[in-house]
């Protein structure tokens, strides 16, 4: 029996994403099964900011995510963001993730 699996394509920030980016993608994919996931690493833009001076992690500290998932259905914007932030609590608390910019949509919202 031949089975067809349709995999959602993740768009990474570079050809060689770092460990925090890979962790973010894995957790978002496992929990939200997104039909679209795009990741941009904006850490370079923020490395010179006062809050980043002396930080251990300046290469994977700021990310921008576009996530399209059915799991957002019925959730308002703050609830969607809390959901994503909750998934990435370990990255924030222990791995040096400092900030996320999120675009969270349902497939219907994305297709408008």
C-alpha atoms as a PDB file:
ATOM      1  CA  UNK A   1       0.000   0.000   0.000  1.00  0.00           C
ATOM      2  CA  UNK A   2       1.404   3.356  -1.029  1.00  0.00           C
ATOM      3  CA  UNK A   3       0.818   6.182   1.412  1.00  0.00           C
ATOM      4  CA  UNK A   4       1.169   9.816   0.533  1.00  0.00           C
ATOM      5  CA  UNK A   5       2.276  12.179   3.235  1.00  0.00           C
ATOM      6  CA  UNK A   6       2.024  15.890   2.668  1.00  0.00           C
ATOM      7  CA  UNK A   7       4.618  17.658   4.755  1.00  0.00           C
ATOM      8  CA  UNK A   8       4.317  21.281   5.623  1.00  0.00           C
ATOM      9  CA  UNK A   9       7.328  23.156   4.346  1.00  0.00           C
ATOM     10  CA  UNK A  10       9.133  25.229   6.930  1.00  0.00           C
ATOM     11  CA  UNK A  11      10.941  28.267   5.650  1.00  0.00           C
ATOM     12  CA  UNK A  12      14.033  28.735   7.793  1.00  0.00           C
ATOM     13  CA  UNK A  13      15.974  31.961   8.200  1.00  0.00           C
ATOM     14  CA  UNK A  14      19.059  30.473   6.530  1.00  0.00           C
ATOM     15  CA  UNK A  15      20.434  27.306   4.983  1.00  0.00           C
ATOM     16  CA  UNK A  16      21.966  26.393   8.346  1.00  0.00           C
ATOM     17  CA  UNK A  17      19.531  27.259  11.139  1.00  0.00           C
ATOM     18  CA  UNK A  18      20.920  27.206  14.666  1.00  0.00           C
ATOM     19  CA  UNK A  19      19.796  25.003  17.556  1.00  0.00           C
ATOM     20  CA  UNK A  20      17.297  27.491  18.984  1.00  0.00           C
ATOM     21  CA  UNK A  21      15.662  28.031  15.606  1.00  0.00           C
ATOM     22  CA  UNK A  22      15.452  24.271  15.067  1.00  0.00           C
ATOM     23  CA  UNK A  23      13.926  23.840  18.522  1.00  0.00           C
ATOM     24  CA  UNK A  24      11.361  26.571  17.839  1.00  0.00           C
ATOM     25  CA  UNK A  25      10.367  24.937  14.552  1.00  0.00           C
ATOM     26  CA  UNK A  26      10.106  21.474  16.069  1.00  0.00           C
ATOM     27  CA  UNK A  27       7.950  22.595  18.993  1.00  0.00           C
ATOM     28  CA  UNK A  28       5.645  24.734  16.852  1.00  0.00           C
ATOM     29  CA  UNK A  29       5.294  21.940  14.296  1.00  0.00           C
ATOM     30  CA  UNK A  30       4.607  19.256  16.911  1.00  0.00           C
ATOM     31  CA  UNK A  31       2.024  21.290  18.825  1.00  0.00           C
ATOM     32  CA  UNK A  32       0.308  23.311  16.105  1.00  0.00           C
ATOM     33  CA  UNK A  33       0.715  21.223  12.938  1.00  0.00           C
ATOM     34  CA  UNK A  34       0.928  24.418  10.861  1.00  0.00           C
ATOM     35  CA  UNK A  35       0.147  24.522   7.176  1.00  0.00           C
ATOM     36  CA  UNK A  36       2.651  27.377   6.903  1.00  0.00           C
ATOM     37  CA  UNK A  37       5.637  28.208   9.102  1.00  0.00           C
ATOM     38  CA  UNK A  38       8.148  30.880   8.201  1.00  0.00           C
ATOM     39  CA  UNK A  39      11.009  31.830  10.497  1.00  0.00           C
ATOM     40  CA  UNK A  40      13.201  34.908  10.273  1.00  0.00           C
ATOM     41  CA  UNK A  41      16.168  35.401  12.584  1.00  0.00           C
ATOM     42  CA  UNK A  42      16.305  39.121  13.364  1.00  0.00           C
ATOM     43  CA  UNK A  43      19.015  38.826  16.018  1.00  0.00           C
ATOM     44  CA  UNK A  44      21.583  40.835  14.023  1.00  0.00           C
ATOM     45  CA  UNK A  45      19.245  43.815  14.069  1.00  0.00           C
ATOM     46  CA  UNK A  46      19.134  43.775  17.872  1.00  0.00           C
ATOM     47  CA  UNK A  47      22.648  42.670  18.890  1.00  0.00           C
ATOM     48  CA  UNK A  48      23.736  46.259  19.580  1.00  0.00           C
ATOM     49  CA  UNK A  49      20.749  47.103  21.819  1.00  0.00           C
ATOM     50  CA  UNK A  50      21.463  47.933  25.441  1.00  0.00           C
ATOM     51  CA  UNK A  51      19.575  44.884  26.716  1.00  0.00           C
ATOM     52  CA  UNK A  52      21.791  42.576  24.679  1.00  0.00           C
ATOM     53  CA  UNK A  53      25.143  43.926  25.917  1.00  0.00           C
ATOM     54  CA  UNK A  54      26.929  41.101  27.689  1.00  0.00           C
ATOM     55  CA  UNK A  55      24.298  38.528  26.693  1.00  0.00           C
ATOM     56  CA  UNK A  56      25.519  34.987  26.087  1.00  0.00           C
ATOM     57  CA  UNK A  57      23.271  34.551  23.073  1.00  0.00           C
ATOM     58  CA  UNK A  58      23.239  37.297  20.455  1.00  0.00           C
ATOM     59  CA  UNK A  59      22.971  35.054  17.369  1.00  0.00           C
ATOM     60  CA  UNK A  60      19.588  33.483  18.139  1.00  0.00           C
ATOM     61  CA  UNK A  61      17.849  35.943  20.417  1.00  0.00           C
ATOM     62  CA  UNK A  62      15.159  37.583  18.238  1.00  0.00           C
ATOM     63  CA  UNK A  63      12.865  35.790  15.797  1.00  0.00           C
ATOM     64  CA  UNK A  64       9.918  36.651  13.607  1.00  0.00           C
ATOM     65  CA  UNK A  65       7.426  33.831  12.987  1.00  0.00           C
ATOM     66  CA  UNK A  66       4.510  33.428  10.587  1.00  0.00           C
ATOM     67  CA  UNK A  67       2.338  30.520  11.693  1.00  0.00           C
ATOM     68  CA  UNK A  68      -0.843  29.338   9.992  1.00  0.00           C
ATOM     69  CA  UNK A  69      -2.688  26.678  11.959  1.00  0.00           C
ATOM     70  CA  UNK A  70      -6.188  25.327  12.525  1.00  0.00           C
ATOM     71  CA  UNK A  71      -5.295  25.297  16.243  1.00  0.00           C
ATOM     72  CA  UNK A  72      -5.781  29.086  16.285  1.00  0.00           C
ATOM     73  CA  UNK A  73      -9.464  28.722  15.394  1.00  0.00           C
ATOM     74  CA  UNK A  74     -11.607  30.379  18.068  1.00  0.00           C
ATOM     75  CA  UNK A  75      -8.641  32.005  19.820  1.00  0.00           C
ATOM     76  CA  UNK A  76      -8.177  35.756  19.911  1.00  0.00           C
ATOM     77  CA  UNK A  77      -4.771  37.275  19.144  1.00  0.00           C
ATOM     78  CA  UNK A  78      -3.501  37.431  22.756  1.00  0.00           C
ATOM     79  CA  UNK A  79      -4.517  33.791  23.323  1.00  0.00           C
ATOM     80  CA  UNK A  80      -2.696  32.710  20.159  1.00  0.00           C
ATOM     81  CA  UNK A  81       0.446  34.522  21.262  1.00  0.00           C
ATOM     82  CA  UNK A  82       0.242  33.066  24.787  1.00  0.00           C
ATOM     83  CA  UNK A  83      -0.018  29.609  23.223  1.00  0.00           C
ATOM     84  CA  UNK A  84       3.159  30.102  21.182  1.00  0.00           C
ATOM     85  CA  UNK A  85       5.043  31.730  24.068  1.00  0.00           C
ATOM     86  CA  UNK A  86       4.045  28.814  26.294  1.00  0.00           C
ATOM     87  CA  UNK A  87       5.453  26.329  23.794  1.00  0.00           C
ATOM     88  CA  UNK A  88       8.772  28.179  23.834  1.00  0.00           C
ATOM     89  CA  UNK A  89       9.064  28.800  27.574  1.00  0.00           C
ATOM     90  CA  UNK A  90      12.264  26.726  27.856  1.00  0.00           C
ATOM     91  CA  UNK A  91      13.906  28.716  25.059  1.00  0.00           C
ATOM     92  CA  UNK A  92      13.047  31.960  26.857  1.00  0.00           C
ATOM     93  CA  UNK A  93      14.001  30.775  30.320  1.00  0.00           C
ATOM     94  CA  UNK A  94      17.107  28.710  29.575  1.00  0.00           C
ATOM     95  CA  UNK A  95      18.414  29.210  26.053  1.00  0.00           C
ATOM     96  CA  UNK A  96      18.643  32.960  25.551  1.00  0.00           C
ATOM     97  CA  UNK A  97      15.590  33.617  23.405  1.00  0.00           C
ATOM     98  CA  UNK A  98      14.772  37.249  24.080  1.00  0.00           C
ATOM     99  CA  UNK A  99      11.900  38.242  21.777  1.00  0.00           C
ATOM    100  CA  UNK A 100       9.406  36.983  19.214  1.00  0.00           C
ATOM    101  CA  UNK A 101       7.393  38.870  16.651  1.00  0.00           C
ATOM    102  CA  UNK A 102       4.374  36.758  15.725  1.00  0.00           C
ATOM    103  CA  UNK A 103       1.908  36.621  12.883  1.00  0.00           C
ATOM    104  CA  UNK A 104      -0.647  33.945  13.819  1.00  0.00           C
ATOM    105  CA  UNK A 105      -3.463  33.101  11.412  1.00  0.00           C
ATOM    106  CA  UNK A 106      -5.992  30.380  10.732  1.00  0.00           C
ATOM    107  CA  UNK A 107      -5.943  28.975   7.174  1.00  0.00           C
ATOM    108  CA  UNK A 108      -9.113  30.924   6.376  1.00  0.00           C
ATOM    109  CA  UNK A 109      -7.575  34.188   7.597  1.00  0.00           C
ATOM    110  CA  UNK A 110      -4.357  33.464   5.694  1.00  0.00           C
ATOM    111  CA  UNK A 111      -6.204  32.840   2.423  1.00  0.00           C
ATOM    112  CA  UNK A 112      -8.166  36.119   2.528  1.00  0.00           C
END
